[in-house]
C-alpha atoms as a PDB file:
ATOM      1  CA  MET A   1      90.472 164.019-126.627  1.00  0.00           C
ATOM      2  CA  VAL A   2      87.452 164.131-124.019  1.00  0.00           C
ATOM      3  CA  ASP A   3      89.110 165.764-121.151  1.00  0.00           C
ATOM      4  CA  PRO A   4      90.947 168.485-123.000  1.00  0.00           C
ATOM      5  CA  ARG A   5      87.561 169.229-124.850  1.00  0.00           C
ATOM      6  CA  LYS A   6      85.872 169.188-121.026  1.00  0.00           C
ATOM      7  CA  LYS A   7      88.206 171.728-119.933  1.00  0.00           C
ATOM      8  CA  LEU A   8      87.818 173.674-122.889  1.00  0.00           C
ATOM      9  CA  PHE A   9      84.238 174.000-122.258  1.00  0.00           C
ATOM     10  CA  ARG A  10      84.481 174.766-118.485  1.00  0.00           C
ATOM     11  CA  GLU A  11      87.170 177.574-119.381  1.00  0.00           C
ATOM     12  CA  THR A  12      85.231 179.603-122.152  1.00  0.00           C
ATOM     13  CA  THR A  13      81.974 180.877-122.880  1.00  0.00           C
ATOM     14  CA  PHE A  14      82.736 181.278-126.334  1.00  0.00           C
ATOM     15  CA  LEU A  15      81.810 177.893-127.781  1.00  0.00           C
ATOM     16  CA  LEU A  16      78.269 176.398-128.732  1.00  0.00           C
ATOM     17  CA  LEU A  17      77.893 173.966-125.751  1.00  0.00           C
ATOM     18  CA  GLN A  18      78.050 174.692-122.386  1.00  0.00           C
ATOM     19  CA  PRO A  19      79.956 172.659-119.912  1.00  0.00           C
ATOM     20  CA  GLU A  20      77.037 170.150-118.859  1.00  0.00           C
ATOM     21  CA  GLU A  21      75.938 169.743-122.521  1.00  0.00           C
ATOM     22  CA  TYR A  22      79.166 167.899-123.430  1.00  0.00           C
ATOM     23  CA  ASN A  23      79.080 164.410-121.974  1.00  0.00           C
ATOM     24  CA  PRO A  24      80.722 162.102-124.551  1.00  0.00           C
ATOM     25  CA  ALA A  25      82.312 158.607-124.046  1.00  0.00           C
ATOM     26  CA  GLU A  26      85.965 158.012-125.139  1.00  0.00           C
ATOM     27  CA  ASP A  27      84.861 155.749-127.984  1.00  0.00           C
ATOM     28  CA  SER A  28      82.524 158.395-129.251  1.00  0.00           C
ATOM     29  CA  GLU A  29      85.574 160.962-129.245  1.00  0.00           C
ATOM     30  CA  ALA A  30      87.612 158.439-131.418  1.00  0.00           C
ATOM     31  CA  ASN A  31      84.474 157.939-133.919  1.00  0.00           C
ATOM     32  CA  PHE A  32      84.644 161.715-134.400  1.00  0.00           C
ATOM     33  CA  ILE A  33      88.086 161.812-135.133  1.00  0.00           C
ATOM     34  CA  ARG A  34      88.084 158.961-137.389  1.00  0.00           C
ATOM     35  CA  MET A  35      84.975 160.410-139.148  1.00  0.00           C
ATOM     36  CA  PHE A  36      87.094 163.368-140.119  1.00  0.00           C
ATOM     37  CA  THR A  37      90.181 161.175-141.396  1.00  0.00           C
ATOM     38  CA  LYS A  38      87.609 159.166-143.506  1.00  0.00           C
ATOM     39  CA  ALA A  39      86.164 162.125-145.259  1.00  0.00           C
ATOM     40  CA  GLU A  40      87.917 163.532-148.171  1.00  0.00           C
ATOM     41  CA  ASN A  41      87.060 167.282-147.460  1.00  0.00           C
ATOM     42  CA  SER A  42      87.186 167.148-143.705  1.00  0.00           C
ATOM     43  CA  SER A  43      90.027 167.057-141.477  1.00  0.00           C
ATOM     44  CA  ILE A  44      91.277 167.641-137.953  1.00  0.00           C
ATOM     45  CA  VAL A  45      94.695 168.972-136.924  1.00  0.00           C
ATOM     46  CA  LEU A  46      95.820 168.084-133.100  1.00  0.00           C
ATOM     47  CA  ALA A  47      98.526 169.967-131.576  1.00  0.00           C
ATOM     48  CA  GLN A  48     100.530 167.561-129.080  1.00  0.00           C
ATOM     49  CA  ASN A  49     103.127 168.231-126.966  1.00  0.00           C
ATOM     50  CA  SER A  50     106.460 165.656-126.528  1.00  0.00           C
ATOM     51  CA  GLU A  51     104.190 163.533-123.871  1.00  0.00           C
ATOM     52  CA  SER A  52     101.424 163.342-126.529  1.00  0.00           C
ATOM     53  CA  HIS A  53      98.918 165.523-124.182  1.00  0.00           C
ATOM     54  CA  LEU A  54      96.499 167.136-126.588  1.00  0.00           C
ATOM     55  CA  LEU A  55      97.079 170.898-126.082  1.00  0.00           C
ATOM     56  CA  ASP A  56      94.856 172.052-128.904  1.00  0.00           C
ATOM     57  CA  PHE A  57      92.817 171.162-132.027  1.00  0.00           C
ATOM     58  CA  LEU A  58      91.107 172.643-135.135  1.00  0.00           C
ATOM     59  CA  GLY A  59      88.852 170.743-137.726  1.00  0.00           C
ATOM     60  CA  VAL A  60      86.756 171.216-140.586  1.00  0.00           C
ATOM     61  CA  ALA A  61      83.718 169.392-141.520  1.00  0.00           C
ATOM     62  CA  GLY A  62      83.516 169.422-145.438  1.00  0.00           C
ATOM     63  CA  GLY A  63      80.004 169.404-147.055  1.00  0.00           C
ATOM     64  CA  THR A  64      78.346 166.334-147.996  1.00  0.00           C
ATOM     65  CA  THR A  65      76.309 166.937-151.020  1.00  0.00           C
ATOM     66  CA  ASN A  66      77.458 167.663-154.695  1.00  0.00           C
ATOM     67  CA  SER A  67      76.526 171.536-154.143  1.00  0.00           C
ATOM     68  CA  THR A  68      78.868 171.753-150.700  1.00  0.00           C
ATOM     69  CA  LYS A  69      81.624 169.678-151.257  1.00  0.00           C
ATOM     70  CA  HIS A  70      83.646 172.173-151.935  1.00  0.00           C
ATOM     71  CA  LYS A  71      83.414 174.101-148.721  1.00  0.00           C
ATOM     72  CA  ALA A  72      83.998 173.287-145.052  1.00  0.00           C
ATOM     73  CA  THR A  73      83.099 174.641-141.657  1.00  0.00           C
ATOM     74  CA  VAL A  74      85.639 175.347-139.315  1.00  0.00           C
ATOM     75  CA  PHE A  75      86.190 174.425-135.523  1.00  0.00           C
ATOM     76  CA  LEU A  76      88.792 175.315-133.192  1.00  0.00           C
ATOM     77  CA  GLY A  77      89.648 174.153-129.548  1.00  0.00           C
ATOM     78  CA  LEU A  78      92.263 176.399-128.824  1.00  0.00           C
ATOM     79  CA  ARG A  79      92.804 177.221-125.058  1.00  0.00           C
ATOM     80  CA  GLU A  80      95.944 175.564-123.468  1.00  0.00           C
ATOM     81  CA  TYR A  81      98.504 177.717-125.417  1.00  0.00           C
ATOM     82  CA  TRP A  82      96.704 180.879-126.116  1.00  0.00           C
ATOM     83  CA  GLY A  83      99.229 183.838-127.330  1.00  0.00           C
ATOM     84  CA  ASN A  84     101.684 181.173-128.212  1.00  0.00           C
ATOM     85  CA  HIS A  85     101.163 181.147-131.969  1.00  0.00           C
ATOM     86  CA  SER A  86      99.720 177.632-131.853  1.00  0.00           C
ATOM     87  CA  GLY A  87      96.486 179.027-133.444  1.00  0.00           C
ATOM     88  CA  GLY A  88      98.519 180.214-136.793  1.00  0.00           C
ATOM     89  CA  LEU A  89     100.510 177.023-136.714  1.00  0.00           C
ATOM     90  CA  LEU A  90      97.306 174.939-136.723  1.00  0.00           C
ATOM     91  CA  PHE A  91      96.021 176.790-139.619  1.00  0.00           C
ATOM     92  CA  GLU A  92      99.098 176.891-141.687  1.00  0.00           C
ATOM     93  CA  ALA A  93      98.966 172.728-141.284  1.00  0.00           C
ATOM     94  CA  LEU A  94      95.148 173.084-142.296  1.00  0.00           C
ATOM     95  CA  PHE A  95      96.000 175.233-145.074  1.00  0.00           C
ATOM     96  CA  SER A  96      98.797 173.157-146.611  1.00  0.00           C
ATOM     97  CA  GLY A  97      96.326 170.242-146.977  1.00  0.00           C
ATOM     98  CA  LEU A  98      93.249 171.853-148.275  1.00  0.00           C
ATOM     99  CA  GLN A  99      94.373 172.038-151.902  1.00  0.00           C
ATOM    100  CA  GLN A 100      94.745 168.257-152.128  1.00  0.00           C
ATOM    101  CA  ASN A 101      91.187 167.804-150.989  1.00  0.00           C
ATOM    102  CA  LYS A 102      89.628 170.325-153.340  1.00  0.00           C
ATOM    103  CA  VAL A 103      88.234 172.640-150.379  1.00  0.00           C
ATOM    104  CA  ILE A 104      88.214 176.021-151.461  1.00  0.00           C
ATOM    105  CA  ARG A 105      85.866 177.628-149.262  1.00  0.00           C
ATOM    106  CA  LEU A 106      86.222 177.659-145.000  1.00  0.00           C
ATOM    107  CA  GLU A 107      83.743 179.163-143.152  1.00  0.00           C
ATOM    108  CA  LEU A 108      83.265 179.840-139.260  1.00  0.00           C
ATOM    109  CA  THR A 109      81.666 182.070-136.994  1.00  0.00           C
ATOM    110  CA  THR A 110      82.897 183.859-133.767  1.00  0.00           C
ATOM    111  CA  ALA A 111      81.165 185.902-131.170  1.00  0.00           C
ATOM    112  CA  ILE A 112      81.667 189.585-131.865  1.00  0.00           C
ATOM    113  CA  ASN A 113      83.251 189.875-128.200  1.00  0.00           C
ATOM    114  CA  ASN A 114      85.806 187.248-128.933  1.00  0.00           C
ATOM    115  CA  GLU A 115      88.661 189.590-129.807  1.00  0.00           C
ATOM    116  CA  ARG A 116      91.338 186.763-129.605  1.00  0.00           C
ATOM    117  CA  ALA A 117      89.670 184.461-131.890  1.00  0.00           C
ATOM    118  CA  TYR A 118      88.696 187.626-134.089  1.00  0.00           C
ATOM    119  CA  SER A 119      92.114 188.540-134.356  1.00  0.00           C
ATOM    120  CA  LEU A 120      93.421 185.074-135.295  1.00  0.00           C
ATOM    121  CA  TYR A 121      91.151 184.620-137.837  1.00  0.00           C
ATOM    122  CA  THR A 122      91.560 187.852-139.609  1.00  0.00           C
ATOM    123  CA  LYS A 123      95.553 187.145-139.251  1.00  0.00           C
ATOM    124  CA  VAL A 124      95.307 183.939-141.205  1.00  0.00           C
ATOM    125  CA  GLY A 125      92.892 185.387-144.017  1.00  0.00           C
ATOM    126  CA  PHE A 126      89.508 185.252-143.035  1.00  0.00           C
ATOM    127  CA  LYS A 127      86.812 188.185-143.954  1.00  0.00           C
ATOM    128  CA  VAL A 128      83.812 189.142-142.111  1.00  0.00           C
ATOM    129  CA  GLU A 129      80.675 188.411-144.623  1.00  0.00           C
ATOM    130  CA  GLY A 130      78.055 189.193-141.987  1.00  0.00           C
ATOM    131  CA  ILE A 131      76.663 189.339-138.602  1.00  0.00           C
ATOM    132  CA  LYS A 132      74.175 187.069-137.059  1.00  0.00           C
ATOM    133  CA  LYS A 133      72.283 188.936-134.783  1.00  0.00           C
ATOM    134  CA  ALA A 134      71.422 187.337-130.976  1.00  0.00           C
ATOM    135  CA  ASN A 135      72.702 184.235-132.349  1.00  0.00           C
ATOM    136  CA  ILE A 136      73.858 182.348-129.098  1.00  0.00           C
ATOM    137  CA  ALA A 137      73.064 183.072-125.452  1.00  0.00           C
ATOM    138  CA  VAL A 138      75.891 183.311-123.067  1.00  0.00           C
ATOM    139  CA  ASP A 139      75.125 183.712-119.403  1.00  0.00           C
ATOM    140  CA  GLY A 140      71.648 184.951-120.183  1.00  0.00           C
ATOM    141  CA  LYS A 141      72.460 187.627-122.453  1.00  0.00           C
ATOM    142  CA  LEU A 142      72.313 187.177-126.519  1.00  0.00           C
ATOM    143  CA  VAL A 143      75.555 187.424-128.341  1.00  0.00           C
ATOM    144  CA  ASP A 144      75.852 188.454-132.131  1.00  0.00           C
ATOM    145  CA  LYS A 145      78.560 186.429-134.038  1.00  0.00           C
ATOM    146  CA  TYR A 146      80.544 187.538-137.229  1.00  0.00           C
ATOM    147  CA  MET A 147      79.801 185.068-139.966  1.00  0.00           C
ATOM    148  CA  MET A 148      83.759 184.870-141.680  1.00  0.00           C
ATOM    149  CA  SER A 149      85.057 182.931-144.550  1.00  0.00           C
ATOM    150  CA  TYR A 150      88.353 182.243-146.250  1.00  0.00           C
ATOM    151  CA  VAL A 151      88.453 181.455-149.893  1.00  0.00           C
ATOM    152  CA  ILE A 152      91.432 180.205-151.713  1.00  0.00           C
ATOM    153  CA  GLU A 153      91.790 181.872-155.140  1.00  0.00           C
END
């Protein structure tokens, strides 16, 4: 998972880390994935091709306290196959498993100028809850982010 994530960080400015800030070892990535498979309210969904090449990924990091175990933060690494609906398929796989692990609220943020991500998130049911002003610096400019959520009713 290291190489695809490194590529993702090089190709987009919409992520939290800059390319030079992401330097994991292969075993730390394996531990990262293991952590999500062990937690009851966390998960990671990987999209691979027929040669087991990682294409895209979507994860949820669940709350760790009694008052936050019902919610999870979403992170998405979708670059390889933009435009072919793999993001929607990843969310579909995620949503099908949510009720089993008792997560009823998903949260995420996305840069206001990231129109593709915003379109995907609203298409799968996320709603804007607010705006985080001057939330990240990209190429020396401060960028606002939408705070979005998806609540299973």
